[in-house]
Amino acid sequence: MTALLLAFGFAFAGFTLNSTISAHGTEGEEQTSSTNTEATEAENSNVTYSYVAQPGDSYSWIARKAVQTYGLKEDVKLTQAQILAAETALTLAANSPVLNEGQTVTVSEDAVHEAVDAVKNLSEADQAGWAAYVPFVNFNTDNVGERR
């Protein structure tokens, strides 16, 4: 299903990402965030979302969770169609890597922010195109990237 989304879905969105997204070996970094409310913009650009691939996880699932995490953290409201578009942009920007169980996957908050900003401006027609895929997608990412 993810391949189908990637193959057909991105035809509906006319945006690209130029952001840092990486996947690491099994020894990983923990999610980092700035706790100083007076942090500079440069410090904020170092925030990452870090996940450990579990059986059945894919990069698309990880990207979906990163978009949802960002939405919760920044109080950004996205439709499910917009989540799919942002997730797909992140996955394509990372070259759709295949994940190994236990692999640490890190997504920069800047990359997620860029993807989210891009999908906020999708036309109604583009959103309708993405919405066609929504019934085939599980948006529950509770256990994605979480050690079990």
Protein backbone atom coordinates (compact mmCIF):
# COMPACT_ATOMS: atom_id res chain seq x y z
CA MET A 1 0.00 0.00 0.00
CA THR A 2 2.86 2.38 0.81
CA ALA A 3 4.35 1.79 -2.63
CA LEU A 4 0.99 2.61 -4.17
CA LEU A 5 0.82 5.83 -2.17
CA LEU A 6 4.31 6.77 -3.24
CA ALA A 7 3.74 5.88 -6.87
CA PHE A 8 0.43 7.65 -7.37
CA GLY A 9 0.10 10.00 -4.44
CA PHE A 10 2.94 12.34 -5.09
CA ALA A 11 1.53 13.15 -8.50
CA PHE A 12 -1.07 15.18 -6.62
CA ALA A 13 1.44 17.32 -4.75
CA GLY A 14 3.78 19.72 -6.45
CA PHE A 15 6.32 20.32 -3.75
CA THR A 16 9.77 19.07 -2.82
CA LEU A 17 11.86 18.97 0.32
CA ASN A 18 15.51 19.73 0.77
CA SER A 19 15.95 18.64 4.39
CA THR A 20 18.06 16.39 6.54
CA ILE A 21 16.56 13.01 7.26
CA SER A 22 18.69 10.09 8.35
CA ALA A 23 18.54 6.50 9.44
CA HIS A 24 21.21 5.08 11.73
CA GLY A 25 22.35 1.67 12.94
CA THR A 26 20.87 -0.18 15.88
CA GLU A 27 22.58 1.95 18.52
CA GLY A 28 20.61 5.14 18.40
CA GLU A 29 20.04 8.59 19.61
CA GLU A 30 17.16 9.49 21.83
CA GLN A 31 14.62 12.11 20.80
CA THR A 32 16.00 15.53 21.63
CA SER A 33 14.28 18.79 22.20
CA SER A 34 15.14 22.13 23.68
CA THR A 35 13.86 22.69 27.21
CA ASN A 36 15.05 26.27 27.36
CA THR A 37 12.14 28.50 26.39
CA GLU A 38 14.62 31.18 25.40
CA ALA A 39 16.42 28.87 22.98
CA THR A 40 17.74 30.45 19.83
CA GLU A 41 16.46 29.56 16.38
CA ALA A 42 19.74 27.75 15.71
CA GLU A 43 19.20 25.51 18.73
CA ASN A 44 15.66 24.75 17.59
CA SER A 45 16.93 23.61 14.19
CA ASN A 46 18.78 20.76 15.92
CA VAL A 47 15.60 19.16 17.27
CA THR A 48 15.04 15.65 15.95
CA TYR A 49 12.46 12.95 16.31
CA SER A 50 14.18 9.61 16.86
CA TYR A 51 12.54 6.21 16.54
CA VAL A 52 13.71 2.60 16.68
CA ALA A 53 12.26 0.47 13.87
CA GLN A 54 10.07 -2.34 15.12
CA PRO A 55 8.83 -5.39 13.21
CA GLY A 56 6.42 -4.13 10.54
CA ASP A 57 7.59 -0.50 10.68
CA SER A 58 8.40 1.27 7.44
CA TYR A 59 9.89 4.67 6.74
CA SER A 60 6.41 5.88 5.78
CA TRP A 61 5.08 4.82 9.19
CA ILE A 62 7.98 6.63 10.90
CA ALA A 63 7.38 9.76 8.79
CA ARG A 64 3.65 9.63 9.59
CA LYS A 65 4.44 9.46 13.29
CA ALA A 66 6.91 12.36 13.00
CA VAL A 67 4.25 14.50 11.27
CA GLN A 68 1.68 13.62 13.94
CA THR A 69 4.19 14.27 16.75
CA TYR A 70 5.04 17.65 15.25
CA GLY A 71 1.34 18.47 14.90
CA LEU A 72 0.73 17.71 18.56
CA LYS A 73 3.83 19.57 19.75
CA GLU A 74 3.16 22.68 17.65
CA ASP A 75 -0.66 22.48 17.83
CA VAL A 76 -0.92 22.22 14.04
CA LYS A 77 -4.19 20.84 12.72
CA LEU A 78 -3.86 18.78 9.54
CA THR A 79 -6.38 16.70 7.69
CA GLN A 80 -5.53 13.04 7.16
CA ALA A 81 -4.96 13.87 3.49
CA GLN A 82 -2.41 16.51 4.49
CA ILE A 83 -0.70 14.04 6.83
CA LEU A 84 -0.36 11.60 3.93
CA ALA A 85 1.07 14.28 1.66
CA ALA A 86 3.62 15.39 4.29
CA GLU A 87 4.55 11.79 5.11
CA THR A 88 5.09 11.03 1.44
CA ALA A 89 7.25 14.12 0.96
CA LEU A 90 9.43 13.10 3.91
CA THR A 91 9.69 9.51 2.68
CA LEU A 92 10.66 10.56 -0.84
CA ALA A 93 13.19 13.09 0.51
CA ALA A 94 14.80 10.21 2.43
CA ASN A 95 14.83 8.04 -0.75
CA SER A 96 12.30 5.61 0.73
CA PRO A 97 14.80 3.59 2.78
CA VAL A 98 14.07 0.02 3.81
CA LEU A 99 14.41 -0.29 7.58
CA ASN A 100 15.94 -3.06 9.62
CA GLU A 101 14.45 -4.08 12.94
CA GLY A 102 16.21 -2.16 15.71
CA GLN A 103 17.51 0.53 13.35
CA THR A 104 17.37 4.08 14.69
CA VAL A 105 15.64 6.51 12.36
CA THR A 106 16.03 10.22 12.96
CA VAL A 107 13.87 12.87 11.32
CA SER A 108 14.73 16.53 11.81
CA GLU A 109 11.98 18.77 13.07
CA ASP A 110 12.99 21.25 10.35
CA ALA A 111 12.21 18.64 7.68
CA VAL A 112 8.82 17.93 9.23
CA HIS A 113 8.11 21.65 9.58
CA GLU A 114 8.94 22.19 5.89
CA ALA A 115 6.70 19.30 4.80
CA VAL A 116 3.84 20.48 7.01
CA ASP A 117 4.11 24.05 5.74
CA ALA A 118 4.02 22.78 2.16
CA VAL A 119 0.87 20.69 2.66
CA LYS A 120 -0.99 23.53 4.36
CA ASN A 121 -1.03 25.22 0.96
CA LEU A 122 -2.38 22.29 -1.06
CA SER A 123 -5.23 23.22 -3.37
CA GLU A 124 -8.65 21.71 -2.79
CA ALA A 125 -8.10 19.49 -5.83
CA ASP A 126 -4.77 18.23 -4.46
CA GLN A 127 -6.32 17.57 -1.06
CA ALA A 128 -9.14 15.66 -2.74
CA GLY A 129 -6.54 13.56 -4.56
CA TRP A 130 -4.79 12.69 -1.31
CA ALA A 131 -8.13 12.07 0.42
CA ALA A 132 -8.77 9.20 -1.99
CA TYR A 133 -6.05 7.23 -0.15
CA VAL A 134 -7.21 8.01 3.39
CA PRO A 135 -9.60 5.00 3.72
CA PHE A 136 -6.67 2.64 3.05
CA VAL A 137 -4.34 4.08 5.69
CA ASN A 138 -4.00 3.27 9.38
CA PHE A 139 -3.25 6.52 11.22
CA ASN A 140 -2.69 4.86 14.61
CA THR A 141 1.06 5.27 15.15
CA ASP A 142 1.06 4.58 18.89
CA ASN A 143 3.58 1.73 18.68
CA VAL A 144 5.51 2.82 15.60
CA GLY A 145 9.18 3.35 16.36
CA GLU A 146 8.67 2.51 20.03
CA ARG A 147 10.65 -0.23 21.76
CA ARG A 148 8.29 -2.98 22.83
